Amino acid sequence: MKLKMTVLIVTLYALFSAGPAVGEDNASRARLMGQWQQSDGNGEPKTTWTLKDMGSSIHVSNSTNTATVMEFECNTEGKECAVKHAGHSSKVSMWFNGAKLVELETTGSQVVKRRFTVTGDGDTMELETIPIVPTGSGETTHFKRASKE
């Protein structure tokens, strides 16, 4: 009987203490939605990422000041979605790891992982780009919020 009561108490504690963390993740995830711009040295937009919540999926757009590089809608459950990246066929999987949105893109034999995270005051997004195949050193770029979706 004592063991059952202990298990019940531990389970309830875990459920109630996880509630705020889940709520915090949802709020952090919502902060990712919007338009994010990286500027060149003259303050002109260089690269823009737009993330829009579509319920069980996210609409993603990546563009430069001259063209749309890729635009797609994909689920956030890790299931593959077929996309075009700069005219090439690719497969993308997306999921949340806590507050981070993770994208895994496969184009031919190349695999790249991207992690999107809102930092600081909520008006800065950090984008980590990590080459998986072939391996290489990762790069972190910062974007400023242009607008909320």
Protein backbone atom coordinates (compact mmCIF):
# COMPACT_ATOMS: atom_id res chain seq x y z
CA MET A 1 0.00 0.00 0.00
CA LYS A 2 2.82 2.41 0.89
CA LEU A 3 4.50 1.70 -2.44
CA LYS A 4 1.29 2.46 -4.38
CA MET A 5 0.84 5.72 -2.47
CA THR A 6 4.46 6.71 -3.12
CA VAL A 7 4.09 5.98 -6.84
CA LEU A 8 0.87 8.01 -6.93
CA ILE A 9 2.48 10.97 -5.16
CA VAL A 10 5.55 10.89 -7.43
CA THR A 11 3.34 10.65 -10.54
CA LEU A 12 1.14 13.56 -9.45
CA TYR A 13 4.18 15.64 -8.58
CA ALA A 14 5.68 14.95 -12.02
CA LEU A 15 2.44 15.88 -13.78
CA PHE A 16 1.91 19.11 -11.85
CA SER A 17 5.53 20.23 -12.06
CA ALA A 18 5.66 19.50 -15.83
CA GLY A 19 2.63 21.72 -16.49
CA PRO A 20 4.44 25.06 -16.25
CA ALA A 21 7.36 23.75 -18.33
CA VAL A 22 5.00 22.72 -21.12
CA GLY A 23 3.31 26.11 -20.93
CA GLU A 24 6.69 27.84 -21.09
CA ASP A 25 7.66 25.77 -24.15
CA ASN A 26 4.38 26.68 -25.87
CA ALA A 27 4.94 30.39 -25.16
CA SER A 28 8.54 30.16 -26.43
CA ARG A 29 7.38 28.33 -29.53
CA ALA A 30 4.77 31.01 -30.22
CA ARG A 31 7.50 33.67 -29.95
CA LEU A 32 9.28 32.02 -32.91
CA MET A 33 6.38 32.80 -35.21
CA GLY A 34 6.88 35.89 -37.34
CA GLN A 35 9.23 37.39 -39.86
CA TRP A 36 12.96 37.49 -39.07
CA GLN A 37 15.57 39.48 -41.01
CA GLN A 38 19.34 39.41 -41.15
CA SER A 39 20.73 42.69 -42.48
CA ASP A 40 23.84 43.39 -44.48
CA GLY A 41 26.33 46.03 -43.35
CA ASN A 42 24.14 48.83 -44.75
CA GLY A 43 21.01 47.82 -42.82
CA GLU A 44 19.31 46.35 -45.89
CA PRO A 45 17.60 42.95 -45.46
CA LYS A 46 19.95 40.19 -46.61
CA THR A 47 18.07 37.03 -45.60
CA THR A 48 14.52 36.67 -44.30
CA TRP A 49 12.92 33.69 -42.56
CA THR A 50 9.16 33.68 -42.01
CA LEU A 51 7.57 31.14 -39.66
CA LYS A 52 3.80 30.91 -39.45
CA ASP A 53 1.86 28.56 -37.16
CA MET A 54 -0.73 26.57 -39.11
CA GLY A 55 -1.97 24.44 -36.20
CA SER A 56 -0.30 21.05 -36.54
CA SER A 57 2.18 22.36 -39.10
CA ILE A 58 4.38 25.39 -39.78
CA HIS A 59 4.58 27.42 -42.97
CA VAL A 60 8.25 28.29 -43.60
CA SER A 61 9.61 30.78 -46.09
CA ASN A 62 13.27 31.65 -46.65
CA SER A 63 14.19 34.45 -49.03
CA THR A 64 17.00 36.77 -49.96
CA ASN A 65 16.52 40.35 -51.09
CA THR A 66 16.29 39.04 -54.69
CA ALA A 67 14.40 35.70 -54.57
CA THR A 68 12.54 33.11 -52.53
CA VAL A 69 14.97 30.29 -51.74
CA MET A 70 12.35 27.92 -50.38
CA GLU A 71 8.77 27.97 -49.16
CA PHE A 72 6.90 25.02 -47.69
CA GLU A 73 4.46 23.81 -45.07
CA CYS A 74 5.46 20.85 -42.91
CA ASN A 75 4.24 19.13 -39.76
CA THR A 76 6.17 19.43 -36.48
CA GLU A 77 6.02 15.71 -35.68
CA GLY A 78 9.26 14.75 -37.45
CA LYS A 79 7.55 13.29 -40.53
CA GLU A 80 9.27 14.02 -43.85
CA CYS A 81 7.88 16.63 -46.23
CA ALA A 82 8.96 17.04 -49.86
CA VAL A 83 10.16 20.58 -50.64
CA LYS A 84 12.11 22.54 -53.24
CA HIS A 85 15.23 24.34 -52.01
CA ALA A 86 16.71 26.70 -54.60
CA GLY A 87 15.11 24.57 -57.32
CA HIS A 88 16.42 21.25 -55.96
CA SER A 89 14.21 18.51 -54.54
CA SER A 90 14.70 18.11 -50.80
CA LYS A 91 13.10 16.36 -47.85
CA VAL A 92 12.53 18.21 -44.60
CA SER A 93 11.59 16.97 -41.14
CA MET A 94 10.66 19.40 -38.37
CA TRP A 95 10.05 19.05 -34.64
CA PHE A 96 10.34 21.00 -31.42
CA ASN A 97 13.05 20.22 -28.89
CA GLY A 98 11.79 22.25 -25.96
CA ALA A 99 11.60 25.84 -27.21
CA LYS A 100 13.83 25.17 -30.24
CA LEU A 101 12.39 24.43 -33.66
CA VAL A 102 14.61 21.83 -35.34
CA GLU A 103 14.68 21.29 -39.10
CA LEU A 104 16.56 18.44 -40.76
CA GLU A 105 16.96 18.90 -44.52
CA THR A 106 18.23 16.27 -46.95
CA THR A 107 19.15 17.35 -50.47
CA GLY A 108 20.73 14.53 -52.45
CA SER A 109 23.53 13.21 -50.24
CA GLN A 110 23.78 16.41 -48.16
CA VAL A 111 22.11 16.66 -44.75
CA VAL A 112 21.84 19.94 -42.82
CA LYS A 113 20.31 20.54 -39.39
CA ARG A 114 18.92 23.95 -38.44
CA ARG A 115 17.84 25.03 -34.97
CA PHE A 116 15.71 28.15 -34.58
CA THR A 117 15.63 29.77 -31.11
CA VAL A 118 14.27 33.07 -29.82
CA THR A 119 16.77 34.72 -27.49
CA GLY A 120 16.90 37.64 -25.10
CA ASP A 121 14.01 40.07 -25.26
CA GLY A 122 12.12 38.04 -27.88
CA ASP A 123 13.10 40.25 -30.80
CA THR A 124 16.21 38.24 -31.72
CA MET A 125 16.28 34.80 -33.30
CA GLU A 126 19.37 32.62 -33.34
CA LEU A 127 19.71 30.19 -36.24
CA GLU A 128 22.24 27.40 -35.89
CA THR A 129 23.12 25.71 -39.19
CA ILE A 130 24.95 22.42 -38.68
CA PRO A 131 26.21 20.35 -41.64
CA ILE A 132 25.67 16.65 -40.83
CA VAL A 133 26.73 15.04 -44.16
CA PRO A 134 29.33 15.94 -45.15
CA THR A 135 30.41 16.97 -41.68
CA GLY A 136 31.63 20.49 -41.14
CA SER A 137 31.68 23.29 -38.66
CA GLY A 138 28.38 24.85 -37.77
CA GLU A 139 27.41 28.48 -38.10
CA THR A 140 25.19 30.64 -35.92
CA THR A 141 23.46 33.69 -37.39
CA HIS A 142 21.24 36.24 -35.69
CA PHE A 143 18.05 37.75 -37.01
CA LYS A 144 15.92 40.65 -35.79
CA ARG A 145 12.15 40.45 -35.70
CA ALA A 146 10.63 42.32 -38.63
CA SER A 147 7.01 41.53 -37.75
CA LYS A 148 4.86 39.08 -35.81
CA GLU A 149 2.60 36.74 -37.75
